[in-house]
Amino acid sequence: MIWTLDIFGLIVKAFSKQEGVPWRMNTGWHNCMHFCRQIRCIFTHVLIEGNMVVDTLARNGQGLAPCSSQWWEYPPSFISTFLVRYSLGLPFTRVSMD
């Protein structure tokens, strides 16, 4: 199955408003929602610019040849500073000097 933004949008809508759930899935969906309420499940979205690790990895991927990939056994060195900041709970800011 190919997941598209439309499907993710419907899933988020179903979780937040409990609408759009097919009737055949209704009982299972209510059981799932009951479980999610017990574990305090919260769904959020962060723009790619708000996640420096993802943003940096995406920019790195722009330089790859079409249909190629990269694999690292450990986090690449160009994101290590961001990972340390995340682990320490430090904020990230971007300053644009246009």
N, C-alpha and C. Protein backbone atom coordinates (compact mmCIF):
# COMPACT_ATOMS: atom_id res chain seq x y z
N MET A 1 0.84 -1.19 0.00
CA MET A 1 0.00 0.00 0.00
C MET A 1 0.88 1.24 0.00
N ILE A 2 0.57 2.20 -0.81
CA ILE A 2 1.33 3.44 -0.88
C ILE A 2 0.66 4.45 0.04
N TRP A 3 1.45 4.95 0.98
CA TRP A 3 0.93 5.94 1.92
C TRP A 3 1.15 7.32 1.33
N THR A 4 0.12 8.08 1.24
CA THR A 4 0.23 9.44 0.73
C THR A 4 -0.19 10.41 1.82
N LEU A 5 0.03 11.70 1.56
CA LEU A 5 -0.37 12.72 2.53
C LEU A 5 -1.87 12.69 2.77
N ASP A 6 -2.64 12.31 1.75
CA ASP A 6 -4.09 12.24 1.92
C ASP A 6 -4.46 11.19 2.96
N ILE A 7 -3.82 10.04 2.90
CA ILE A 7 -4.12 8.98 3.87
C ILE A 7 -3.71 9.41 5.27
N PHE A 8 -2.51 10.01 5.40
CA PHE A 8 -2.08 10.48 6.71
C PHE A 8 -3.03 11.55 7.24
N GLY A 9 -3.50 12.42 6.35
CA GLY A 9 -4.46 13.44 6.77
C GLY A 9 -5.74 12.83 7.30
N LEU A 10 -6.23 11.77 6.64
CA LEU A 10 -7.43 11.09 7.12
C LEU A 10 -7.20 10.41 8.46
N ILE A 11 -6.01 9.85 8.65
CA ILE A 11 -5.69 9.20 9.93
C ILE A 11 -5.66 10.23 11.05
N VAL A 12 -4.99 11.35 10.81
CA VAL A 12 -4.94 12.41 11.83
C VAL A 12 -6.35 12.92 12.13
N LYS A 13 -7.16 13.10 11.09
CA LYS A 13 -8.53 13.56 11.28
C LYS A 13 -9.33 12.55 12.10
N ALA A 14 -9.15 11.27 11.82
CA ALA A 14 -9.86 10.23 12.56
C ALA A 14 -9.44 10.24 14.03
N PHE A 15 -8.16 10.41 14.30
CA PHE A 15 -7.69 10.44 15.68
C PHE A 15 -8.18 11.69 16.41
N SER A 16 -8.16 12.82 15.74
CA SER A 16 -8.52 14.06 16.42
C SER A 16 -10.02 14.28 16.53
N LYS A 17 -10.79 13.86 15.53
CA LYS A 17 -12.23 14.13 15.55
C LYS A 17 -13.09 12.87 15.52
N GLN A 18 -12.47 11.72 15.38
CA GLN A 18 -13.17 10.44 15.31
C GLN A 18 -14.21 10.42 14.20
N GLU A 19 -13.86 10.97 13.06
CA GLU A 19 -14.75 10.89 11.92
C GLU A 19 -13.98 10.33 10.73
N GLY A 20 -14.69 9.77 9.80
CA GLY A 20 -14.06 9.20 8.63
C GLY A 20 -13.62 7.75 8.80
N VAL A 21 -14.02 7.11 9.91
CA VAL A 21 -13.66 5.71 10.15
C VAL A 21 -14.71 4.82 9.47
N PRO A 22 -14.27 3.91 8.59
CA PRO A 22 -15.24 3.01 7.95
C PRO A 22 -16.01 2.20 8.99
N TRP A 23 -17.30 1.96 8.73
CA TRP A 23 -18.15 1.30 9.72
C TRP A 23 -17.64 -0.09 10.07
N ARG A 24 -16.98 -0.78 9.15
CA ARG A 24 -16.47 -2.12 9.44
C ARG A 24 -15.34 -2.09 10.47
N MET A 25 -14.70 -0.94 10.59
CA MET A 25 -13.58 -0.79 11.53
C MET A 25 -14.01 -0.08 12.81
N ASN A 26 -15.26 0.26 12.93
CA ASN A 26 -15.73 1.11 14.03
C ASN A 26 -15.42 0.53 15.41
N THR A 27 -15.74 -0.74 15.66
CA THR A 27 -15.50 -1.33 16.97
C THR A 27 -14.01 -1.36 17.29
N GLY A 28 -13.21 -1.83 16.34
CA GLY A 28 -11.76 -1.85 16.56
C GLY A 28 -11.19 -0.46 16.77
N TRP A 29 -11.74 0.51 16.03
CA TRP A 29 -11.26 1.88 16.17
C TRP A 29 -11.57 2.43 17.57
N HIS A 30 -12.77 2.16 18.06
CA HIS A 30 -13.12 2.63 19.41
C HIS A 30 -12.24 1.96 20.46
N ASN A 31 -11.93 0.68 20.28
CA ASN A 31 -11.02 0.00 21.20
C ASN A 31 -9.64 0.63 21.16
N CYS A 32 -9.17 0.94 19.95
CA CYS A 32 -7.87 1.59 19.79
C CYS A 32 -7.86 2.96 20.46
N MET A 33 -8.91 3.73 20.24
CA MET A 33 -8.99 5.06 20.85
C MET A 33 -9.03 4.98 22.37
N HIS A 34 -9.72 3.98 22.91
CA HIS A 34 -9.76 3.78 24.36
C HIS A 34 -8.34 3.52 24.87
N PHE A 35 -7.61 2.65 24.18
CA PHE A 35 -6.22 2.36 24.56
C PHE A 35 -5.36 3.61 24.46
N CYS A 36 -5.49 4.36 23.38
CA CYS A 36 -4.68 5.57 23.19
C CYS A 36 -4.96 6.61 24.27
N ARG A 37 -6.19 6.72 24.70
CA ARG A 37 -6.52 7.68 25.78
C ARG A 37 -5.86 7.26 27.09
N GLN A 38 -5.71 5.97 27.31
CA GLN A 38 -5.08 5.49 28.54
C GLN A 38 -3.58 5.78 28.56
N ILE A 39 -2.95 5.83 27.39
CA ILE A 39 -1.50 6.07 27.37
C ILE A 39 -1.17 7.53 27.04
N ARG A 40 -2.18 8.37 27.03
CA ARG A 40 -1.98 9.80 26.76
C ARG A 40 -1.27 10.00 25.43
N CYS A 41 -1.84 9.48 24.38
CA CYS A 41 -1.29 9.53 23.04
C CYS A 41 -1.56 10.90 22.42
N ILE A 42 -0.51 11.58 21.97
CA ILE A 42 -0.64 12.90 21.36
C ILE A 42 0.07 12.87 20.01
N PHE A 43 -0.58 13.38 18.97
CA PHE A 43 -0.01 13.45 17.64
C PHE A 43 0.29 14.90 17.32
N THR A 44 1.49 15.15 16.87
CA THR A 44 1.88 16.50 16.48
C THR A 44 2.63 16.44 15.16
N HIS A 45 2.78 17.58 14.54
CA HIS A 45 3.54 17.67 13.30
C HIS A 45 4.53 18.82 13.44
N VAL A 46 5.76 18.55 13.07
CA VAL A 46 6.80 19.57 13.09
C VAL A 46 7.28 19.76 11.67
N LEU A 47 7.28 20.99 11.21
CA LEU A 47 7.81 21.27 9.88
C LEU A 47 9.27 20.85 9.82
N ILE A 48 9.73 20.47 8.65
CA ILE A 48 11.10 19.96 8.52
C ILE A 48 12.12 20.98 9.02
N GLU A 49 11.82 22.26 8.88
CA GLU A 49 12.75 23.28 9.37
C GLU A 49 12.85 23.27 10.88
N GLY A 50 11.86 22.71 11.56
CA GLY A 50 11.87 22.65 13.02
C GLY A 50 12.64 21.47 13.55
N ASN A 51 13.03 20.55 12.70
CA ASN A 51 13.80 19.39 13.11
C ASN A 51 15.12 19.43 12.36
N MET A 52 16.14 19.96 13.02
CA MET A 52 17.42 20.20 12.36
C MET A 52 18.08 18.91 11.86
N VAL A 53 17.89 17.80 12.56
CA VAL A 53 18.49 16.53 12.12
C VAL A 53 17.87 16.11 10.79
N VAL A 54 16.55 16.11 10.73
CA VAL A 54 15.86 15.72 9.49
C VAL A 54 16.19 16.70 8.37
N ASP A 55 16.20 17.98 8.67
CA ASP A 55 16.50 18.99 7.66
C ASP A 55 17.90 18.79 7.09
N THR A 56 18.87 18.52 7.96
CA THR A 56 20.25 18.31 7.52
C THR A 56 20.38 17.03 6.70
N LEU A 57 19.73 15.96 7.13
CA LEU A 57 19.76 14.72 6.37
C LEU A 57 19.12 14.90 4.99
N ALA A 58 18.02 15.66 4.93
CA ALA A 58 17.36 15.91 3.65
C ALA A 58 18.26 16.71 2.72
N ARG A 59 18.94 17.72 3.26
CA ARG A 59 19.85 18.50 2.43
C ARG A 59 21.01 17.64 1.94
N ASN A 60 21.49 16.72 2.78
CA ASN A 60 22.54 15.80 2.36
C ASN A 60 22.04 14.91 1.22
N GLY A 61 20.81 14.46 1.30
CA GLY A 61 20.25 13.59 0.28
C GLY A 61 20.04 14.28 -1.05
N GLN A 62 19.93 15.60 -1.05
CA GLN A 62 19.75 16.33 -2.31
C GLN A 62 20.94 16.16 -3.23
N GLY A 63 22.11 15.89 -2.65
CA GLY A 63 23.31 15.74 -3.46
C GLY A 63 23.51 14.34 -4.02
N LEU A 64 22.64 13.42 -3.69
CA LEU A 64 22.79 12.05 -4.16
C LEU A 64 22.33 11.91 -5.62
N ALA A 65 22.90 10.96 -6.29
CA ALA A 65 22.46 10.65 -7.65
C ALA A 65 21.06 10.03 -7.59
N PRO A 66 20.25 10.21 -8.63
CA PRO A 66 18.91 9.61 -8.64
C PRO A 66 18.97 8.09 -8.42
N CYS A 67 18.02 7.58 -7.67
CA CYS A 67 17.88 6.15 -7.36
C CYS A 67 19.07 5.60 -6.59
N SER A 68 19.78 6.43 -5.86
CA SER A 68 20.88 5.94 -5.02
C SER A 68 20.49 6.10 -3.56
N SER A 69 21.31 5.57 -2.69
CA SER A 69 21.01 5.66 -1.26
C SER A 69 22.30 5.69 -0.47
N GLN A 70 22.16 6.00 0.81
CA GLN A 70 23.29 5.98 1.73
C GLN A 70 22.87 5.17 2.95
N TRP A 71 23.82 4.51 3.57
CA TRP A 71 23.55 3.74 4.78
C TRP A 71 24.68 3.98 5.76
N TRP A 72 24.33 4.29 6.99
CA TRP A 72 25.32 4.51 8.03
C TRP A 72 25.07 3.53 9.15
N GLU A 73 26.14 2.95 9.68
CA GLU A 73 26.03 2.08 10.86
C GLU A 73 25.78 2.93 12.11
N TYR A 74 26.30 4.14 12.10
CA TYR A 74 26.16 5.07 13.21
C TYR A 74 25.74 6.42 12.64
N PRO A 75 25.18 7.30 13.45
CA PRO A 75 24.79 8.62 12.94
C PRO A 75 25.98 9.31 12.27
N PRO A 76 25.78 9.89 11.10
CA PRO A 76 26.90 10.56 10.43
C PRO A 76 27.38 11.77 11.23
N SER A 77 28.64 12.08 11.06
CA SER A 77 29.25 13.15 11.85
C SER A 77 28.60 14.52 11.62
N PHE A 78 28.03 14.74 10.43
CA PHE A 78 27.45 16.06 10.16
C PHE A 78 26.15 16.33 10.92
N ILE A 79 25.60 15.34 11.62
CA ILE A 79 24.42 15.61 12.46
C ILE A 79 24.72 15.42 13.94
N SER A 80 25.96 15.09 14.30
CA SER A 80 26.29 14.80 15.70
C SER A 80 26.04 15.99 16.62
N THR A 81 26.35 17.19 16.15
CA THR A 81 26.11 18.39 16.98
C THR A 81 24.63 18.54 17.30
N PHE A 82 23.78 18.31 16.31
CA PHE A 82 22.33 18.42 16.52
C PHE A 82 21.84 17.35 17.49
N LEU A 83 22.36 16.12 17.36
CA LEU A 83 21.93 15.04 18.26
C LEU A 83 22.31 15.34 19.71
N VAL A 84 23.49 15.92 19.91
CA VAL A 84 23.91 16.29 21.26
C VAL A 84 22.98 17.37 21.81
N ARG A 85 22.67 18.37 20.99
CA ARG A 85 21.77 19.44 21.45
C ARG A 85 20.39 18.89 21.81
N TYR A 86 19.86 17.97 20.96
CA TYR A 86 18.57 17.36 21.26
C TYR A 86 18.62 16.59 22.57
N SER A 87 19.69 15.81 22.78
CA SER A 87 19.78 15.01 24.00
C SER A 87 19.87 15.87 25.25
N LEU A 88 20.42 17.08 25.12
CA LEU A 88 20.52 18.00 26.25
C LEU A 88 19.29 18.89 26.40
N GLY A 89 18.38 18.80 25.44
CA GLY A 89 17.17 19.61 25.50
C GLY A 89 17.40 21.07 25.17
N LEU A 90 18.48 21.37 24.45
CA LEU A 90 18.79 22.76 24.10
C LEU A 90 17.95 23.20 22.90
N PRO A 91 17.57 24.47 22.86
CA PRO A 91 16.74 24.96 21.75
C PRO A 91 17.57 25.17 20.48
N PHE A 92 16.88 25.22 19.37
CA PHE A 92 17.50 25.53 18.08
C PHE A 92 16.88 26.81 17.57
N THR A 93 17.71 27.67 17.04
CA THR A 93 17.21 28.89 16.42
C THR A 93 17.90 29.07 15.08
N ARG A 94 17.19 29.67 14.15
CA ARG A 94 17.75 30.01 12.84
C ARG A 94 17.69 31.52 12.69
N VAL A 95 18.79 32.07 12.28
CA VAL A 95 18.84 33.50 12.03
C VAL A 95 19.09 33.69 10.54
N SER A 96 18.21 34.42 9.90
CA SER A 96 18.35 34.70 8.48
C SER A 96 18.87 36.12 8.30
N MET A 97 19.99 36.24 7.64
CA MET A 97 20.59 37.56 7.43
C MET A 97 20.44 37.95 5.96
N ASP A 98 19.21 38.08 5.51
CA ASP A 98 18.95 38.44 4.11
C ASP A 98 19.26 39.86 3.82
